[in-house]
Protein backbone atom coordinates (compact mmCIF):
# COMPACT_ATOMS: atom_id res chain seq x y z
CA UNK A 1 -41.25 22.96 21.79
CA UNK A 2 -41.15 23.65 18.55
CA UNK A 3 -40.38 20.01 16.57
CA UNK A 4 -41.62 21.59 13.22
CA UNK A 5 -37.68 23.24 13.20
CA UNK A 6 -34.94 21.06 13.80
CA UNK A 7 -31.24 22.02 13.17
CA UNK A 8 -28.64 19.32 11.94
CA UNK A 9 -25.05 19.26 12.19
CA UNK A 10 -23.20 16.64 10.27
CA UNK A 11 -24.61 15.48 6.84
CA UNK A 12 -22.39 12.48 6.42
CA UNK A 13 -23.44 8.91 5.38
CA UNK A 14 -26.18 9.00 8.17
CA UNK A 15 -26.39 12.11 9.24
CA UNK A 16 -27.29 13.30 5.40
CA UNK A 17 -29.73 10.51 5.03
CA UNK A 18 -31.47 11.35 8.32
CA UNK A 19 -31.69 14.95 7.07
CA UNK A 20 -33.67 14.07 4.06
CA UNK A 21 -36.19 11.76 5.88
CA UNK A 22 -36.85 14.91 8.42
CA UNK A 23 -37.06 17.52 5.53
CA UNK A 24 -39.26 15.17 3.41
CA UNK A 25 -41.59 14.48 6.39
CA UNK A 26 -42.40 18.14 6.22
CA UNK A 27 -39.84 19.75 8.80
CA UNK A 28 -37.94 22.86 8.29
CA UNK A 29 -34.32 21.77 8.80
CA UNK A 30 -31.16 24.17 8.98
CA UNK A 31 -28.22 21.92 8.22
CA UNK A 32 -24.19 22.51 8.59
CA UNK A 33 -21.40 20.51 7.55
CA UNK A 34 -17.92 21.21 6.85
CA UNK A 35 -18.34 19.84 3.62
CA UNK A 36 -21.19 22.20 1.80
CA UNK A 37 -22.19 19.92 -0.70
CA UNK A 38 -23.40 17.62 1.11
CA UNK A 39 -26.06 20.18 2.64
CA UNK A 40 -27.81 20.63 -1.10
CA UNK A 41 -28.49 16.80 -1.46
CA UNK A 42 -30.21 16.46 1.82
CA UNK A 43 -33.08 19.09 0.86
CA UNK A 44 -32.25 21.27 4.20
CA UNK A 45 -31.29 25.03 4.11
CA UNK A 46 -27.79 25.81 4.50
CA UNK A 47 -25.99 27.53 7.90
CA UNK A 48 -23.27 29.55 7.69
CA UNK A 49 -21.92 28.53 11.50
CA UNK A 50 -22.77 26.36 14.72
CA UNK A 51 -24.30 29.48 16.10
CA UNK A 52 -26.62 29.89 13.29
CA UNK A 53 -28.20 25.96 13.83
CA UNK A 54 -28.70 26.62 17.49
CA UNK A 55 -30.32 29.89 17.03
CA UNK A 56 -32.64 28.29 14.53
CA UNK A 57 -34.21 25.56 16.42
CA UNK A 58 -35.56 24.53 19.87
CA UNK A 59 -34.13 20.78 19.02
CA UNK A 60 -30.74 20.20 17.93
CA UNK A 61 -29.34 17.32 16.35
CA UNK A 62 -25.80 15.47 15.81
CA UNK A 63 -24.33 12.83 13.57
CA UNK A 64 -20.48 13.30 14.18
CA UNK A 65 -17.76 10.54 13.41
CA UNK A 66 -16.50 10.31 17.26
CA UNK A 67 -16.00 11.92 20.51
CA UNK A 68 -13.40 14.05 19.61
CA UNK A 69 -15.35 15.83 16.99
CA UNK A 70 -18.41 16.27 19.19
CA UNK A 71 -16.42 17.64 21.53
CA UNK A 72 -15.09 20.13 19.34
CA UNK A 73 -18.48 20.87 17.70
CA UNK A 74 -19.81 21.59 21.45
CA UNK A 75 -17.18 22.96 23.31
CA UNK A 76 -15.47 24.69 20.48
CA UNK A 77 -15.15 28.65 20.81
CA UNK A 78 -17.86 29.22 18.50
CA UNK A 79 -19.57 25.99 19.43
CA UNK A 80 -23.01 24.61 20.58
CA UNK A 81 -22.44 25.27 24.22
CA UNK A 82 -21.63 28.49 23.58
CA UNK A 83 -24.79 29.78 22.25
CA UNK A 84 -27.42 27.31 23.63
CA UNK A 85 -30.26 28.38 25.39
CA UNK A 86 -32.53 27.11 28.70
CA UNK A 87 -35.28 24.67 27.16
CA UNK A 88 -33.03 23.57 24.31
CA UNK A 89 -32.83 19.62 23.21
CA UNK A 90 -29.47 18.91 22.14
CA UNK A 91 -29.33 15.29 20.33
CA UNK A 92 -25.87 13.30 19.94
CA UNK A 93 -26.88 10.48 17.19
CA UNK A 94 -23.15 9.87 17.08
CA UNK A 95 -20.98 6.70 18.22
CA UNK A 96 -19.63 8.51 21.02
CA UNK A 97 -17.92 7.77 24.56
CA UNK A 98 -20.34 7.21 27.18
CA UNK A 99 -17.81 8.88 29.48
CA UNK A 100 -17.75 11.64 27.55
CA UNK A 101 -21.24 11.94 26.75
CA UNK A 102 -21.93 11.96 30.69
CA UNK A 103 -19.37 14.68 30.97
CA UNK A 104 -21.25 17.20 28.16
CA UNK A 105 -24.76 16.46 29.47
CA UNK A 106 -23.40 17.88 33.01
CA UNK A 107 -22.27 20.87 31.13
CA UNK A 108 -25.24 21.62 29.19
CA UNK A 109 -27.36 20.99 32.19
CA UNK A 110 -25.50 23.73 33.59
CA UNK A 111 -27.18 26.15 30.77
CA UNK A 112 -30.59 24.20 31.10
CA UNK A 113 -29.99 22.28 28.10
CA UNK A 114 -31.06 18.70 28.11
CA UNK A 115 -28.00 16.80 26.21
CA UNK A 116 -29.61 13.23 24.87
CA UNK A 117 -27.49 10.31 23.49
CA UNK A 118 -29.29 8.31 20.93
CA UNK A 119 -27.34 5.18 19.39
CA UNK A 120 -28.72 4.22 16.07
CA UNK A 121 -28.62 1.08 14.69
CA UNK A 122 -29.68 -0.16 11.07
CA UNK A 123 -27.15 1.50 9.06
CA UNK A 124 -27.36 3.63 5.70
CA UNK A 125 -30.14 1.47 4.49
CA UNK A 126 -32.88 1.79 7.67
CA UNK A 127 -31.46 5.86 7.54
CA UNK A 128 -32.50 6.00 3.92
CA UNK A 129 -36.11 3.93 4.91
CA UNK A 130 -36.48 5.99 8.48
CA UNK A 131 -36.52 2.55 10.26
CA UNK A 132 -33.64 3.13 12.42
CA UNK A 133 -33.67 1.45 15.69
CA UNK A 134 -32.70 4.43 18.69
CA UNK A 135 -31.36 3.64 21.70
CA UNK A 136 -32.11 6.81 23.94
CA UNK A 137 -30.38 8.13 27.09
CA UNK A 138 -30.98 11.11 28.86
CA UNK A 139 -33.63 12.80 30.81
CA UNK A 140 -36.84 11.30 30.38
CA UNK A 141 -39.43 14.05 30.59
CA UNK A 142 -36.99 15.66 27.75
CA UNK A 143 -37.15 12.56 25.27
CA UNK A 144 -40.72 11.92 25.58
CA UNK A 145 -41.63 15.64 25.01
CA UNK A 146 -39.65 15.86 21.82
CA UNK A 147 -39.88 12.16 20.50
CA UNK A 148 -42.36 13.01 17.69
CA UNK A 149 -39.24 14.43 15.92
CA UNK A 150 -37.62 10.91 15.30
CA UNK A 151 -40.74 9.60 14.20
CA UNK A 152 -39.57 10.30 10.60
CA UNK A 153 -36.19 8.37 11.22
CA UNK A 154 -36.91 5.66 13.17
CA UNK A 155 -38.95 2.36 13.54
CA UNK A 156 -38.23 1.51 17.08
CA UNK A 157 -37.24 4.09 20.05
CA UNK A 158 -35.65 2.16 23.16
CA UNK A 159 -35.43 4.75 26.18
CA UNK A 160 -32.66 2.85 28.24
CA UNK A 161 -32.04 5.23 30.77
CA UNK A 162 -30.04 8.04 32.50
CA UNK A 163 -27.38 9.98 30.32
CA UNK A 164 -24.75 7.63 28.70
CA UNK A 165 -26.78 4.67 28.50
CA UNK A 166 -28.09 5.06 25.10
CA UNK A 167 -24.45 5.30 23.90
CA UNK A 168 -23.23 2.79 25.91
CA UNK A 169 -26.11 0.14 24.73
CA UNK A 170 -25.00 1.28 21.19
CA UNK A 171 -21.69 0.50 21.54
CA UNK A 172 -22.64 -3.24 22.93
CA UNK A 173 -24.67 -3.86 20.01
CA UNK A 174 -21.59 -2.57 17.58
CA UNK A 175 -19.20 -5.06 19.25
CA UNK A 176 -21.91 -8.11 18.96
CA UNK A 177 -22.21 -6.85 14.94
CA UNK A 178 -18.48 -6.60 14.56
CA UNK A 179 -17.81 -10.17 16.25
CA UNK A 180 -20.22 -11.70 13.87
CA UNK A 181 -19.13 -9.92 10.69
CA UNK A 182 -15.63 -11.04 11.37
CA UNK A 183 -16.35 -14.50 12.66
CA UNK A 184 -18.93 -14.84 9.72
CA UNK A 185 -16.31 -13.55 7.17
CA UNK A 186 -13.49 -16.05 8.16
CA UNK A 187 -16.05 -19.04 8.38
CA UNK A 188 -17.23 -18.13 4.79
CA UNK A 189 -13.45 -18.09 3.09
CA UNK A 190 -12.96 -21.22 5.24
CA UNK A 191 -16.49 -22.84 3.50
CA UNK A 192 -14.90 -21.79 -0.06
CA UNK A 193 -11.72 -23.27 0.31
CA UNK A 194 -13.73 -26.29 1.74
CA UNK A 195 -15.46 -26.32 -1.79
CA UNK A 196 -18.67 -26.14 -0.27
CA UNK A 197 -21.76 -24.47 -1.85
CA UNK A 198 -21.56 -21.17 -0.18
CA UNK A 199 -25.47 -20.83 -0.84
CA UNK A 200 -26.24 -23.98 0.58
CA UNK A 201 -23.84 -23.26 3.63
CA UNK A 202 -25.56 -20.06 4.19
CA UNK A 203 -28.75 -21.96 4.56
CA UNK A 204 -27.46 -24.62 7.07
CA UNK A 205 -25.97 -21.66 9.11
CA UNK A 206 -28.98 -19.75 9.19
CA UNK A 207 -31.11 -22.64 10.31
CA UNK A 208 -28.73 -23.62 12.82
CA UNK A 209 -27.16 -22.41 16.09
CA UNK A 210 -24.77 -19.85 14.28
CA UNK A 211 -26.93 -17.55 12.81
CA UNK A 212 -26.46 -14.02 13.01
CA UNK A 213 -27.12 -10.97 11.21
CA UNK A 214 -23.97 -11.24 8.93
CA UNK A 215 -25.45 -14.73 7.93
CA UNK A 216 -29.01 -13.54 7.35
CA UNK A 217 -28.37 -10.23 5.88
CA UNK A 218 -25.29 -9.72 4.93
CA UNK A 219 -23.06 -13.04 3.20
CA UNK A 220 -26.32 -14.01 0.71
CA UNK A 221 -25.91 -10.72 -0.64
CA UNK A 222 -21.59 -11.11 -0.84
CA UNK A 223 -21.68 -14.37 -2.09
CA UNK A 224 -23.27 -13.32 -5.19
CA UNK A 225 -20.88 -10.02 -5.53
CA UNK A 226 -23.03 -7.30 -3.45
CA UNK A 227 -20.84 -6.00 -0.52
CA UNK A 228 -23.99 -3.57 -0.03
CA UNK A 229 -21.31 -0.33 -0.52
CA UNK A 230 -22.39 2.66 1.47
CA UNK A 231 -22.51 1.47 4.83
CA UNK A 232 -20.06 1.56 8.12
CA UNK A 233 -16.56 1.33 6.93
CA UNK A 234 -13.75 -1.09 8.10
CA UNK A 235 -12.00 2.35 9.84
CA UNK A 236 -15.28 3.33 11.11
CA UNK A 237 -15.82 -0.52 12.95
CA UNK A 238 -12.57 -0.70 14.45
CA UNK A 239 -13.36 2.90 16.21
CA UNK A 240 -16.17 1.47 17.41
CA UNK A 241 -14.67 -1.65 18.94
CA UNK A 242 -11.75 0.38 20.65
CA UNK A 243 -15.07 2.48 22.05
CA UNK A 244 -16.75 -0.30 23.16
CA UNK A 245 -13.24 -2.07 24.96
CA UNK A 246 -12.67 1.51 26.63
CA UNK A 247 -16.16 1.35 28.11
CA UNK A 248 -16.28 -1.98 29.58
CA UNK A 249 -12.75 -1.04 31.06
CA UNK A 250 -14.50 1.60 32.48
CA UNK A 251 -17.12 -0.55 33.87
CA UNK A 252 -14.40 -2.94 34.87
CA UNK A 253 -15.11 -5.90 32.71
CA UNK A 254 -12.29 -7.75 31.07
CA UNK A 255 -12.85 -8.14 27.28
CA UNK A 256 -11.39 -11.22 26.07
CA UNK A 257 -13.24 -11.45 22.88
CA UNK A 258 -12.30 -8.55 21.21
CA UNK A 259 -8.93 -9.51 19.65
CA UNK A 260 -10.88 -11.15 17.03
CA UNK A 261 -12.43 -8.43 15.70
CA UNK A 262 -9.66 -6.01 16.45
CA UNK A 263 -7.47 -8.53 14.38
CA UNK A 264 -9.86 -8.85 11.31
CA UNK A 265 -10.71 -4.70 10.46
CA UNK A 266 -6.86 -3.76 11.26
CA UNK A 267 -5.82 -6.36 8.58
CA UNK A 268 -8.59 -5.21 6.56
CA UNK A 269 -6.84 -1.34 7.05
CA UNK A 270 -3.70 -2.51 6.70
CA UNK A 271 -4.51 -4.24 2.97
CA UNK A 272 -6.40 -1.21 2.07
CA UNK A 273 -9.95 -2.21 2.73
CA UNK A 274 -10.34 0.43 5.81
CA UNK A 275 -12.35 3.25 3.77
CA UNK A 276 -14.60 0.97 2.04
CA UNK A 277 -17.86 -0.85 3.68
CA UNK A 278 -16.73 -3.18 6.62
CA UNK A 279 -18.19 -6.20 4.95
CA UNK A 280 -14.77 -6.30 2.58
CA UNK A 281 -13.25 -7.71 5.81
CA UNK A 282 -13.99 -10.95 4.07
CA UNK A 283 -11.35 -10.12 0.80
CA UNK A 284 -8.99 -9.23 3.72
CA UNK A 285 -9.32 -12.56 5.23
CA UNK A 286 -9.65 -14.11 1.67
CA UNK A 287 -6.37 -12.00 0.75
CA UNK A 288 -4.09 -13.68 3.29
CA UNK A 289 -5.85 -16.70 2.66
CA UNK A 290 -4.79 -17.40 -0.85
CA UNK A 291 -6.13 -15.18 -2.68
CA UNK A 292 -10.11 -16.29 -1.85
CA UNK A 293 -12.82 -14.67 -3.05
CA UNK A 294 -16.55 -15.76 -2.81
CA UNK A 295 -17.87 -15.00 -5.67
CA UNK A 296 -16.04 -15.19 -9.03
CA UNK A 297 -16.96 -12.46 -11.23
CA UNK A 298 -15.37 -14.25 -14.11
CA UNK A 299 -18.84 -16.78 -14.12
CA UNK A 300 -20.53 -14.01 -15.48
CA UNK A 301 -18.70 -13.35 -18.62
């Protein structure tokens, strides 16, 4: 398997950064995106069609917004499935429904193609640095054979098991991320209204049982006015929580804790924060709590 040539479909916020890492590692990448301007920024060669991408490489990677788009790209009339060949590996780096992933893997298997689901975590910053965590599901032998292609984009690769396990793991992780971000945002707004020193509050939280990724890595920046723009949007966070709820329903697990993040990020979208980084959920909660902002920009003047 030639790992020095990769086809990449979907060069948006995450896919574009991963493609740039592959190109910078000396890998020849043929990229496809419906927004043509994105391709040049990655350094990849532009592909005219999906067929061109599939014909170019033994390994084809995809980073797309959701399962509906993945299914359209794969199963469309001139899609990946129509042009794939035996021995290829198709890697889905999207946040997708595991049930869809499992179904597509069976269809690819009929063509002698390995379909690997690789959930990613770390956000835009980790994609930029090549330090993503990958949660991988699919044929173990195929994953082991081409895992060198993951090195430019990841610092950790965890093989989770059969098809669908990578995307399931990703949804479990993203749900915890959503819960901790929404809950921490509410706590920080409450702390502000209580007149607490927010830097001191974070110091206490981060040395106590309430510590989480948001209190460690997001809010120390947000309280100083840096929302870490460029990461996962509020709408995409909502989408991920819905995918989680669907998945645990399929598994027969009652989701008792999804209402909080769905309400928080839904509020954010209703108030106009859906298309900006999900960290802005703290402003949405602040808006309905008396117009609270954690950072007072006027103090800089």
